[in-house]
């Protein structure tokens, strides 16, 4: 059997093929979830300097750039992926906002 090194982990050790298949699938799923969690912690550590996410430590965040500006809405905050408000013109912003609300 490929990968069988002779060690029987306590939670996976069984001779029933159906139980073994289900337990191995669960182990893979949990391992993948753990990998995604640690990647998220690395990203958070890169942003805040803390893997536990002390947001108060990261005051220079580009995510906080417009939190006190016109148009910021909870809980998402300011969101302008296309850069329409990059010019800083409040009249254009108000017009676009009114158009968005209208449609």
PDB file of N, CA and C in Angstrom:
ATOM      1  N   UNK A   1       0.851  -1.175   0.000  1.00  0.00           N
ATOM      2  CA  UNK A   1       0.000   0.000   0.000  1.00  0.00           C
ATOM      3  C   UNK A   1       0.901   1.243   0.000  1.00  0.00           C
ATOM      4  N   UNK A   2       0.707   2.169  -0.962  1.00  0.00           N
ATOM      5  CA  UNK A   2       1.549   3.365  -1.040  1.00  0.00           C
ATOM      6  C   UNK A   2       1.418   4.231   0.209  1.00  0.00           C
ATOM      7  N   UNK A   3       2.530   4.716   0.694  1.00  0.00           N
ATOM      8  CA  UNK A   3       2.532   5.601   1.853  1.00  0.00           C
ATOM      9  C   UNK A   3       2.453   4.897   3.184  1.00  0.00           C
ATOM     10  N   UNK A   4       2.322   3.581   3.204  1.00  0.00           N
ATOM     11  CA  UNK A   4       2.231   2.841   4.461  1.00  0.00           C
ATOM     12  C   UNK A   4       3.632   2.616   4.996  1.00  0.00           C
ATOM     13  N   UNK A   5       3.951   3.287   6.085  1.00  0.00           N
ATOM     14  CA  UNK A   5       5.272   3.166   6.704  1.00  0.00           C
ATOM     15  C   UNK A   5       5.223   2.276   7.942  1.00  0.00           C
ATOM     16  N   UNK A   6       4.098   1.639   8.165  1.00  0.00           N
ATOM     17  CA  UNK A   6       3.978   0.736   9.288  1.00  0.00           C
ATOM     18  C   UNK A   6       3.504   1.386  10.579  1.00  0.00           C
ATOM     19  N   UNK A   7       3.320   2.681  10.580  1.00  0.00           N
ATOM     20  CA  UNK A   7       2.846   3.379  11.777  1.00  0.00           C
ATOM     21  C   UNK A   7       1.344   3.541  11.688  1.00  0.00           C
ATOM     22  N   UNK A   8       0.650   3.246  12.777  1.00  0.00           N
ATOM     23  CA  UNK A   8      -0.807   3.347  12.799  1.00  0.00           C
ATOM     24  C   UNK A   8      -1.218   4.470  13.745  1.00  0.00           C
ATOM     25  N   UNK A   9      -1.566   5.630  13.184  1.00  0.00           N
ATOM     26  CA  UNK A   9      -1.997   6.721  14.051  1.00  0.00           C
ATOM     27  C   UNK A   9      -3.265   6.331  14.797  1.00  0.00           C
ATOM     28  N   UNK A  10      -3.358   6.684  16.064  1.00  0.00           N
ATOM     29  CA  UNK A  10      -4.471   6.227  16.899  1.00  0.00           C
ATOM     30  C   UNK A  10      -5.857   6.553  16.344  1.00  0.00           C
ATOM     31  N   UNK A  11      -6.046   7.732  15.788  1.00  0.00           N
ATOM     32  CA  UNK A  11      -7.378   8.101  15.313  1.00  0.00           C
ATOM     33  C   UNK A  11      -7.705   7.528  13.939  1.00  0.00           C
ATOM     34  N   UNK A  12      -6.701   7.123  13.188  1.00  0.00           N
ATOM     35  CA  UNK A  12      -6.942   6.577  11.856  1.00  0.00           C
ATOM     36  C   UNK A  12      -6.843   5.058  11.828  1.00  0.00           C
ATOM     37  N   UNK A  13      -6.364   4.456  12.898  1.00  0.00           N
ATOM     38  CA  UNK A  13      -6.128   3.013  12.922  1.00  0.00           C
ATOM     39  C   UNK A  13      -7.437   2.235  12.925  1.00  0.00           C
ATOM     40  N   UNK A  14      -7.711   1.587  11.827  1.00  0.00           N
ATOM     41  CA  UNK A  14      -8.867   0.704  11.713  1.00  0.00           C
ATOM     42  C   UNK A  14      -8.640  -0.230  10.536  1.00  0.00           C
ATOM     43  N   UNK A  15      -9.279  -1.368  10.580  1.00  0.00           N
ATOM     44  CA  UNK A  15      -9.178  -2.303   9.467  1.00  0.00           C
ATOM     45  C   UNK A  15     -10.394  -2.218   8.556  1.00  0.00           C
ATOM     46  N   UNK A  16     -11.394  -1.460   8.955  1.00  0.00           N
ATOM     47  CA  UNK A  16     -12.593  -1.283   8.148  1.00  0.00           C
ATOM     48  C   UNK A  16     -12.298  -0.273   7.043  1.00  0.00           C
ATOM     49  N   UNK A  17     -12.353  -0.674   5.759  1.00  0.00           N
ATOM     50  CA  UNK A  17     -11.966   0.233   4.669  1.00  0.00           C
ATOM     51  C   UNK A  17     -12.867   1.472   4.548  1.00  0.00           C
ATOM     52  N   UNK A  18     -14.161   1.344   4.850  1.00  0.00           N
ATOM     53  CA  UNK A  18     -15.059   2.495   4.758  1.00  0.00           C
ATOM     54  C   UNK A  18     -14.747   3.539   5.836  1.00  0.00           C
ATOM     55  N   UNK A  19     -14.534   3.074   7.063  1.00  0.00           N
ATOM     56  CA  UNK A  19     -14.196   3.990   8.153  1.00  0.00           C
ATOM     57  C   UNK A  19     -12.852   4.656   7.878  1.00  0.00           C
ATOM     58  N   UNK A  20     -11.894   3.861   7.392  1.00  0.00           N
ATOM     59  CA  UNK A  20     -10.570   4.404   7.092  1.00  0.00           C
ATOM     60  C   UNK A  20     -10.651   5.466   5.993  1.00  0.00           C
ATOM     61  N   UNK A  21     -11.456   5.210   4.959  1.00  0.00           N
ATOM     62  CA  UNK A  21     -11.611   6.161   3.866  1.00  0.00           C
ATOM     63  C   UNK A  21     -12.217   7.477   4.374  1.00  0.00           C
ATOM     64  N   UNK A  22     -13.251   7.368   5.228  1.00  0.00           N
ATOM     65  CA  UNK A  22     -13.894   8.561   5.766  1.00  0.00           C
ATOM     66  C   UNK A  22     -12.942   9.347   6.670  1.00  0.00           C
ATOM     67  N   UNK A  23     -12.186   8.635   7.494  1.00  0.00           N
ATOM     68  CA  UNK A  23     -11.251   9.304   8.402  1.00  0.00           C
ATOM     69  C   UNK A  23     -10.111   9.981   7.642  1.00  0.00           C
ATOM     70  N   UNK A  24      -9.618   9.342   6.600  1.00  0.00           N
ATOM     71  CA  UNK A  24      -8.550   9.954   5.805  1.00  0.00           C
ATOM     72  C   UNK A  24      -9.061  11.202   5.077  1.00  0.00           C
ATOM     73  N   UNK A  25     -10.301  11.143   4.567  1.00  0.00           N
ATOM     74  CA  UNK A  25     -10.886  12.308   3.907  1.00  0.00           C
ATOM     75  C   UNK A  25     -11.052  13.458   4.907  1.00  0.00           C
ATOM     76  N   UNK A  26     -11.479  13.136   6.125  1.00  0.00           N
ATOM     77  CA  UNK A  26     -11.615  14.162   7.160  1.00  0.00           C
ATOM     78  C   UNK A  26     -10.258  14.764   7.510  1.00  0.00           C
ATOM     79  N   UNK A  27      -9.255  13.930   7.586  1.00  0.00           N
ATOM     80  CA  UNK A  27      -7.907  14.399   7.911  1.00  0.00           C
ATOM     81  C   UNK A  27      -7.392  15.349   6.828  1.00  0.00           C
ATOM     82  N   UNK A  28      -7.638  15.010   5.566  1.00  0.00           N
ATOM     83  CA  UNK A  28      -7.227  15.878   4.465  1.00  0.00           C
ATOM     84  C   UNK A  28      -7.962  17.219   4.510  1.00  0.00           C
ATOM     85  N   UNK A  29      -9.271  17.162   4.741  1.00  0.00           N
ATOM     86  CA  UNK A  29     -10.064  18.390   4.791  1.00  0.00           C
ATOM     87  C   UNK A  29      -9.593  19.292   5.932  1.00  0.00           C
ATOM     88  N   UNK A  30      -9.354  18.724   7.086  1.00  0.00           N
ATOM     89  CA  UNK A  30      -8.895  19.519   8.231  1.00  0.00           C
ATOM     90  C   UNK A  30      -7.492  20.065   7.993  1.00  0.00           C
ATOM     91  N   UNK A  31      -6.651  19.285   7.336  1.00  0.00           N
ATOM     92  CA  UNK A  31      -5.303  19.760   7.013  1.00  0.00           C
ATOM     93  C   UNK A  31      -5.348  20.938   6.060  1.00  0.00           C
ATOM     94  N   UNK A  32      -6.242  20.873   5.076  1.00  0.00           N
ATOM     95  CA  UNK A  32      -6.378  21.986   4.129  1.00  0.00           C
ATOM     96  C   UNK A  32      -6.906  23.234   4.833  1.00  0.00           C
ATOM     97  N   UNK A  33      -7.861  23.049   5.732  1.00  0.00           N
ATOM     98  CA  UNK A  33      -8.385  24.174   6.491  1.00  0.00           C
ATOM     99  C   UNK A  33      -7.281  24.810   7.337  1.00  0.00           C
ATOM    100  N   UNK A  34      -6.455  23.982   7.956  1.00  0.00           N
ATOM    101  CA  UNK A  34      -5.360  24.498   8.773  1.00  0.00           C
ATOM    102  C   UNK A  34      -4.355  25.265   7.912  1.00  0.00           C
ATOM    103  N   UNK A  35      -4.094  24.792   6.698  1.00  0.00           N
ATOM    104  CA  UNK A  35      -3.170  25.505   5.809  1.00  0.00           C
ATOM    105  C   UNK A  35      -3.731  26.870   5.430  1.00  0.00           C
ATOM    106  N   UNK A  36      -5.018  26.949   5.149  1.00  0.00           N
ATOM    107  CA  UNK A  36      -5.624  28.243   4.819  1.00  0.00           C
ATOM    108  C   UNK A  36      -5.577  29.184   6.029  1.00  0.00           C
ATOM    109  N   UNK A  37      -5.791  28.639   7.215  1.00  0.00           N
ATOM    110  CA  UNK A  37      -5.764  29.458   8.423  1.00  0.00           C
ATOM    111  C   UNK A  37      -4.376  30.052   8.651  1.00  0.00           C
ATOM    112  N   UNK A  38      -3.343  29.255   8.460  1.00  0.00           N
ATOM    113  CA  UNK A  38      -1.999  29.763   8.706  1.00  0.00           C
ATOM    114  C   UNK A  38      -1.599  30.777   7.638  1.00  0.00           C
ATOM    115  N   UNK A  39      -2.064  30.595   6.401  1.00  0.00           N
ATOM    116  CA  UNK A  39      -1.799  31.589   5.360  1.00  0.00           C
ATOM    117  C   UNK A  39      -2.473  32.908   5.734  1.00  0.00           C
ATOM    118  N   UNK A  40      -3.694  32.839   6.248  1.00  0.00           N
ATOM    119  CA  UNK A  40      -4.385  34.041   6.707  1.00  0.00           C
ATOM    120  C   UNK A  40      -3.640  34.721   7.835  1.00  0.00           C
ATOM    121  N   UNK A  41      -3.070  33.926   8.737  1.00  0.00           N
ATOM    122  CA  UNK A  41      -2.308  34.506   9.842  1.00  0.00           C
ATOM    123  C   UNK A  41      -1.025  35.164   9.333  1.00  0.00           C
ATOM    124  N   UNK A  42      -0.372  34.565   8.329  1.00  0.00           N
ATOM    125  CA  UNK A  42       0.816  35.192   7.743  1.00  0.00           C
ATOM    126  C   UNK A  42       0.453  36.537   7.111  1.00  0.00           C
ATOM    127  N   UNK A  43      -0.662  36.569   6.390  1.00  0.00           N
ATOM    128  CA  UNK A  43      -1.111  37.808   5.753  1.00  0.00           C
ATOM    129  C   UNK A  43      -1.425  38.866   6.808  1.00  0.00           C
ATOM    130  N   UNK A  44      -2.135  38.465   7.831  1.00  0.00           N
ATOM    131  CA  UNK A  44      -2.492  39.393   8.902  1.00  0.00           C
ATOM    132  C   UNK A  44      -1.250  39.900   9.617  1.00  0.00           C
ATOM    133  N   UNK A  45      -0.277  39.018   9.822  1.00  0.00           N
ATOM    134  CA  UNK A  45       0.975  39.426  10.450  1.00  0.00           C
ATOM    135  C   UNK A  45       1.708  40.437   9.578  1.00  0.00           C
ATOM    136  N   UNK A  46       1.631  40.261   8.265  1.00  0.00           N
ATOM    137  CA  UNK A  46       2.255  41.203   7.357  1.00  0.00           C
ATOM    138  C   UNK A  46       1.593  42.566   7.401  1.00  0.00           C
ATOM    139  N   UNK A  47       0.287  42.598   7.594  1.00  0.00           N
ATOM    140  CA  UNK A  47      -0.429  43.873   7.646  1.00  0.00           C
ATOM    141  C   UNK A  47      -0.296  44.564   8.984  1.00  0.00           C
ATOM    142  N   UNK A  48      -0.443  43.803  10.060  1.00  0.00           N
ATOM    143  CA  UNK A  48      -0.528  44.432  11.382  1.00  0.00           C
ATOM    144  C   UNK A  48       0.720  44.260  12.228  1.00  0.00           C
ATOM    145  N   UNK A  49       1.603  43.346  11.836  1.00  0.00           N
ATOM    146  CA  UNK A  49       2.774  43.071  12.658  1.00  0.00           C
ATOM    147  C   UNK A  49       2.464  42.092  13.769  1.00  0.00           C
ATOM    148  N   UNK A  50       1.237  41.568  13.772  1.00  0.00           N
ATOM    149  CA  UNK A  50       0.841  40.597  14.787  1.00  0.00           C
ATOM    150  C   UNK A  50      -0.062  39.557  14.149  1.00  0.00           C
ATOM    151  N   UNK A  51       0.270  38.297  14.329  1.00  0.00           N
ATOM    152  CA  UNK A  51      -0.561  37.235  13.770  1.00  0.00           C
ATOM    153  C   UNK A  51      -1.909  37.171  14.459  1.00  0.00           C
ATOM    154  N   UNK A  52      -2.022  37.802  15.609  1.00  0.00           N
ATOM    155  CA  UNK A  52      -3.293  37.785  16.339  1.00  0.00           C
ATOM    156  C   UNK A  52      -4.134  38.996  16.007  1.00  0.00           C
ATOM    157  N   UNK A  53      -3.663  39.838  15.075  1.00  0.00           N
ATOM    158  CA  UNK A  53      -4.479  40.874  14.491  1.00  0.00           C
ATOM    159  C   UNK A  53      -4.823  42.059  15.344  1.00  0.00           C
ATOM    160  N   UNK A  54      -3.853  42.636  16.016  1.00  0.00           N
ATOM    161  CA  UNK A  54      -4.129  43.844  16.772  1.00  0.00           C
ATOM    162  C   UNK A  54      -4.195  45.008  15.787  1.00  0.00           C
ATOM    163  N   UNK A  55      -5.392  45.314  15.339  1.00  0.00           N
ATOM    164  CA  UNK A  55      -5.603  46.316  14.303  1.00  0.00           C
ATOM    165  C   UNK A  55      -5.102  47.690  14.732  1.00  0.00           C
ATOM    166  N   UNK A  56      -5.085  47.968  16.011  1.00  0.00           N
ATOM    167  CA  UNK A  56      -4.632  49.268  16.508  1.00  0.00           C
ATOM    168  C   UNK A  56      -3.151  49.501  16.210  1.00  0.00           C
ATOM    169  N   UNK A  57      -2.385  48.422  16.004  1.00  0.00           N
ATOM    170  CA  UNK A  57      -0.960  48.558  15.723  1.00  0.00           C
ATOM    171  C   UNK A  57      -0.686  49.031  14.299  1.00  0.00           C
ATOM    172  N   UNK A  58      -1.651  48.838  13.410  1.00  0.00           N
ATOM    173  CA  UNK A  58      -1.394  49.126  12.000  1.00  0.00           C
ATOM    174  C   UNK A  58      -2.165  50.361  11.560  1.00  0.00           C
ATOM    175  N   UNK A  59      -1.670  51.513  11.973  1.00  0.00           N
ATOM    176  CA  UNK A  59      -2.368  52.768  11.674  1.00  0.00           C
ATOM    177  C   UNK A  59      -2.068  53.266  10.273  1.00  0.00           C
ATOM    178  N   UNK A  60      -1.010  52.768   9.639  1.00  0.00           N
ATOM    179  CA  UNK A  60      -0.650  53.223   8.299  1.00  0.00           C
ATOM    180  C   UNK A  60      -1.288  52.374   7.211  1.00  0.00           C
ATOM    181  N   UNK A  61      -2.282  51.598   7.549  1.00  0.00           N
ATOM    182  CA  UNK A  61      -2.901  50.690   6.591  1.00  0.00           C
ATOM    183  C   UNK A  61      -3.556  51.429   5.439  1.00  0.00           C
ATOM    184  N   UNK A  62      -3.331  50.960   4.207  1.00  0.00           N
ATOM    185  CA  UNK A  62      -4.065  51.548   3.088  1.00  0.00           C
ATOM    186  C   UNK A  62      -5.568  51.297   3.227  1.00  0.00           C
ATOM    187  N   UNK A  63      -5.938  50.325   4.026  1.00  0.00           N
ATOM    188  CA  UNK A  63      -7.350  50.050   4.263  1.00  0.00           C
ATOM    189  C   UNK A  63      -7.988  51.125   5.137  1.00  0.00           C
ATOM    190  N   UNK A  64      -7.155  51.887   5.859  1.00  0.00           N
ATOM    191  CA  UNK A  64      -7.662  52.960   6.719  1.00  0.00           C
ATOM    192  C   UNK A  64      -7.540  54.332   6.071  1.00  0.00           C
ATOM    193  N   UNK A  65      -7.095  54.397   4.851  1.00  0.00           N
ATOM    194  CA  UNK A  65      -6.784  55.666   4.222  1.00  0.00           C
ATOM    195  C   UNK A  65      -7.971  56.617   4.162  1.00  0.00           C
ATOM    196  N   UNK A  66      -9.174  56.093   4.024  1.00  0.00           N
ATOM    197  CA  UNK A  66     -10.339  56.950   3.847  1.00  0.00           C
ATOM    198  C   UNK A  66     -11.394  56.732   4.918  1.00  0.00           C
ATOM    199  N   UNK A  67     -11.015  56.182   6.052  1.00  0.00           N
ATOM    200  CA  UNK A  67     -12.049  55.824   7.022  1.00  0.00           C
ATOM    201  C   UNK A  67     -12.806  57.015   7.585  1.00  0.00           C
ATOM    202  N   UNK A  68     -12.253  58.203   7.507  1.00  0.00           N
ATOM    203  CA  UNK A  68     -12.950  59.390   7.992  1.00  0.00           C
ATOM    204  C   UNK A  68     -13.451  60.275   6.857  1.00  0.00           C
ATOM    205  N   UNK A  69     -13.430  59.752   5.655  1.00  0.00           N
ATOM    206  CA  UNK A  69     -13.808  60.529   4.484  1.00  0.00           C
ATOM    207  C   UNK A  69     -15.268  60.302   4.109  1.00  0.00           C
ATOM    208  N   UNK A  70     -15.766  61.177   3.266  1.00  0.00           N
ATOM    209  CA  UNK A  70     -17.107  61.069   2.717  1.00  0.00           C
ATOM    210  C   UNK A  70     -17.227  59.759   1.939  1.00  0.00           C
ATOM    211  N   UNK A  71     -18.281  59.035   2.164  1.00  0.00           N
ATOM    212  CA  UNK A  71     -18.528  57.822   1.395  1.00  0.00           C
ATOM    213  C   UNK A  71     -18.138  56.541   2.087  1.00  0.00           C
ATOM    214  N   UNK A  72     -17.527  56.634   3.229  1.00  0.00           N
ATOM    215  CA  UNK A  72     -17.143  55.433   3.950  1.00  0.00           C
ATOM    216  C   UNK A  72     -18.386  54.840   4.594  1.00  0.00           C
ATOM    217  N   UNK A  73     -18.575  53.549   4.377  1.00  0.00           N
ATOM    218  CA  UNK A  73     -19.770  52.897   4.898  1.00  0.00           C
ATOM    219  C   UNK A  73     -19.385  51.643   5.674  1.00  0.00           C
ATOM    220  N   UNK A  74     -19.960  51.502   6.858  1.00  0.00           N
ATOM    221  CA  UNK A  74     -19.724  50.293   7.653  1.00  0.00           C
ATOM    222  C   UNK A  74     -20.483  49.132   7.039  1.00  0.00           C
ATOM    223  N   UNK A  75     -20.038  47.933   7.205  1.00  0.00           N
ATOM    224  CA  UNK A  75     -18.801  47.528   7.872  1.00  0.00           C
ATOM    225  C   UNK A  75     -17.630  47.435   6.911  1.00  0.00           C
ATOM    226  N   UNK A  76     -17.868  47.682   5.629  1.00  0.00           N
ATOM    227  CA  UNK A  76     -16.843  47.472   4.621  1.00  0.00           C
ATOM    228  C   UNK A  76     -15.797  48.571   4.605  1.00  0.00           C
ATOM    229  N   UNK A  77     -16.207  49.787   4.851  1.00  0.00           N
ATOM    230  CA  UNK A  77     -15.285  50.892   4.745  1.00  0.00           C
ATOM    231  C   UNK A  77     -15.242  51.408   3.315  1.00  0.00           C
ATOM    232  N   UNK A  78     -14.305  52.264   3.040  1.00  0.00           N
ATOM    233  CA  UNK A  78     -14.210  52.865   1.716  1.00  0.00           C
ATOM    234  C   UNK A  78     -13.780  51.821   0.706  1.00  0.00           C
ATOM    235  N   UNK A  79     -14.504  51.712  -0.395  1.00  0.00           N
ATOM    236  CA  UNK A  79     -14.203  50.699  -1.405  1.00  0.00           C
ATOM    237  C   UNK A  79     -14.307  51.327  -2.765  1.00  0.00           C
ATOM    238  N   UNK A  80     -13.197  51.445  -3.448  1.00  0.00           N
ATOM    239  CA  UNK A  80     -13.164  52.027  -4.782  1.00  0.00           C
ATOM    240  C   UNK A  80     -12.117  51.299  -5.619  1.00  0.00           C
ATOM    241  N   UNK A  81     -12.411  50.062  -6.022  1.00  0.00           N
ATOM    242  CA  UNK A  81     -11.400  49.265  -6.725  1.00  0.00           C
ATOM    243  C   UNK A  81     -11.027  49.835  -8.094  1.00  0.00           C
ATOM    244  N   UNK A  82     -11.931  50.572  -8.737  1.00  0.00           N
ATOM    245  CA  UNK A  82     -11.647  51.124 -10.059  1.00  0.00           C
ATOM    246  C   UNK A  82     -10.931  52.478  -9.979  1.00  0.00           C
ATOM    247  N   UNK A  83     -10.834  53.056  -8.807  1.00  0.00           N
ATOM    248  CA  UNK A  83     -10.123  54.316  -8.635  1.00  0.00           C
ATOM    249  C   UNK A  83     -10.878  55.535  -9.139  1.00  0.00           C
ATOM    250  N   UNK A  84     -12.202  55.480  -9.138  1.00  0.00           N
ATOM    251  CA  UNK A  84     -13.001  56.607  -9.627  1.00  0.00           C
ATOM    252  C   UNK A  84     -12.854  57.863  -8.772  1.00  0.00           C
ATOM    253  N   UNK A  85     -12.519  57.715  -7.507  1.00  0.00           N
ATOM    254  CA  UNK A  85     -12.419  58.886  -6.636  1.00  0.00           C
ATOM    255  C   UNK A  85     -10.973  59.303  -6.391  1.00  0.00           C
ATOM    256  N   UNK A  86     -10.066  58.784  -7.183  1.00  0.00           N
ATOM    257  CA  UNK A  86      -8.647  59.085  -6.991  1.00  0.00           C
ATOM    258  C   UNK A  86      -8.346  60.569  -7.188  1.00  0.00           C
ATOM    259  N   UNK A  87      -9.178  61.265  -7.965  1.00  0.00           N
ATOM    260  CA  UNK A  87      -8.925  62.688  -8.195  1.00  0.00           C
ATOM    261  C   UNK A  87      -9.296  63.553  -6.992  1.00  0.00           C
ATOM    262  N   UNK A  88     -10.079  63.009  -6.044  1.00  0.00           N
ATOM    263  CA  UNK A  88     -10.444  63.740  -4.833  1.00  0.00           C
ATOM    264  C   UNK A  88     -11.524  64.784  -5.035  1.00  0.00           C
ATOM    265  N   UNK A  89     -12.158  64.814  -6.204  1.00  0.00           N
ATOM    266  CA  UNK A  89     -13.194  65.787  -6.497  1.00  0.00           C
ATOM    267  C   UNK A  89     -14.494  65.380  -5.814  1.00  0.00           C
ATOM    268  N   UNK A  90     -14.934  66.146  -4.828  1.00  0.00           N
ATOM    269  CA  UNK A  90     -16.132  65.783  -4.070  1.00  0.00           C
ATOM    270  C   UNK A  90     -17.401  65.935  -4.901  1.00  0.00           C
ATOM    271  N   UNK A  91     -17.405  66.869  -5.832  1.00  0.00           N
ATOM    272  CA  UNK A  91     -18.576  67.044  -6.689  1.00  0.00           C
ATOM    273  C   UNK A  91     -18.795  65.803  -7.557  1.00  0.00           C
ATOM    274  N   UNK A  92     -17.715  65.296  -8.147  1.00  0.00           N
ATOM    275  CA  UNK A  92     -17.823  64.065  -8.945  1.00  0.00           C
ATOM    276  C   UNK A  92     -18.233  62.887  -8.073  1.00  0.00           C
ATOM    277  N   UNK A  93     -17.682  62.841  -6.874  1.00  0.00           N
ATOM    278  CA  UNK A  93     -18.044  61.758  -5.950  1.00  0.00           C
ATOM    279  C   UNK A  93     -19.528  61.807  -5.624  1.00  0.00           C
ATOM    280  N   UNK A  94     -20.046  62.989  -5.305  1.00  0.00           N
ATOM    281  CA  UNK A  94     -21.462  63.132  -4.963  1.00  0.00           C
ATOM    282  C   UNK A  94     -22.347  62.746  -6.141  1.00  0.00           C
ATOM    283  N   UNK A  95     -21.940  63.131  -7.350  1.00  0.00           N
ATOM    284  CA  UNK A  95     -22.712  62.781  -8.543  1.00  0.00           C
ATOM    285  C   UNK A  95     -22.728  61.271  -8.757  1.00  0.00           C
ATOM    286  N   UNK A  96     -21.553  60.653  -8.641  1.00  0.00           N
ATOM    287  CA  UNK A  96     -21.494  59.196  -8.830  1.00  0.00           C
ATOM    288  C   UNK A  96     -22.292  58.462  -7.751  1.00  0.00           C
ATOM    289  N   UNK A  97     -22.198  58.961  -6.532  1.00  0.00           N
ATOM    290  CA  UNK A  97     -22.938  58.327  -5.437  1.00  0.00           C
ATOM    291  C   UNK A  97     -24.448  58.434  -5.672  1.00  0.00           C
ATOM    292  N   UNK A  98     -24.901  59.612  -6.102  1.00  0.00           N
ATOM    293  CA  UNK A  98     -26.320  59.799  -6.383  1.00  0.00           C
ATOM    294  C   UNK A  98     -26.765  58.889  -7.518  1.00  0.00           C
ATOM    295  N   UNK A  99     -25.934  58.761  -8.544  1.00  0.00           N
ATOM    296  CA  UNK A  99     -26.256  57.883  -9.674  1.00  0.00           C
ATOM    297  C   UNK A  99     -26.330  56.435  -9.221  1.00  0.00           C
ATOM    298  N   UNK A 100     -25.407  56.041  -8.359  1.00  0.00           N
ATOM    299  CA  UNK A 100     -25.406  54.661  -7.862  1.00  0.00           C
ATOM    300  C   UNK A 100     -26.659  54.390  -7.035  1.00  0.00           C
ATOM    301  N   UNK A 101     -27.028  55.326  -6.172  1.00  0.00           N
ATOM    302  CA  UNK A 101     -28.223  55.145  -5.349  1.00  0.00           C
ATOM    303  C   UNK A 101     -29.487  55.118  -6.204  1.00  0.00           C
ATOM    304  N   UNK A 102     -29.492  55.914  -7.271  1.00  0.00           N
ATOM    305  CA  UNK A 102     -30.649  55.976  -8.158  1.00  0.00           C
ATOM    306  C   UNK A 102     -30.849  54.658  -8.897  1.00  0.00           C
ATOM    307  N   UNK A 103     -29.759  54.038  -9.280  1.00  0.00           N
ATOM    308  CA  UNK A 103     -29.874  52.818 -10.067  1.00  0.00           C
ATOM    309  C   UNK A 103     -29.816  51.613  -9.169  1.00  0.00           C
TER     310      UNK A 103
END
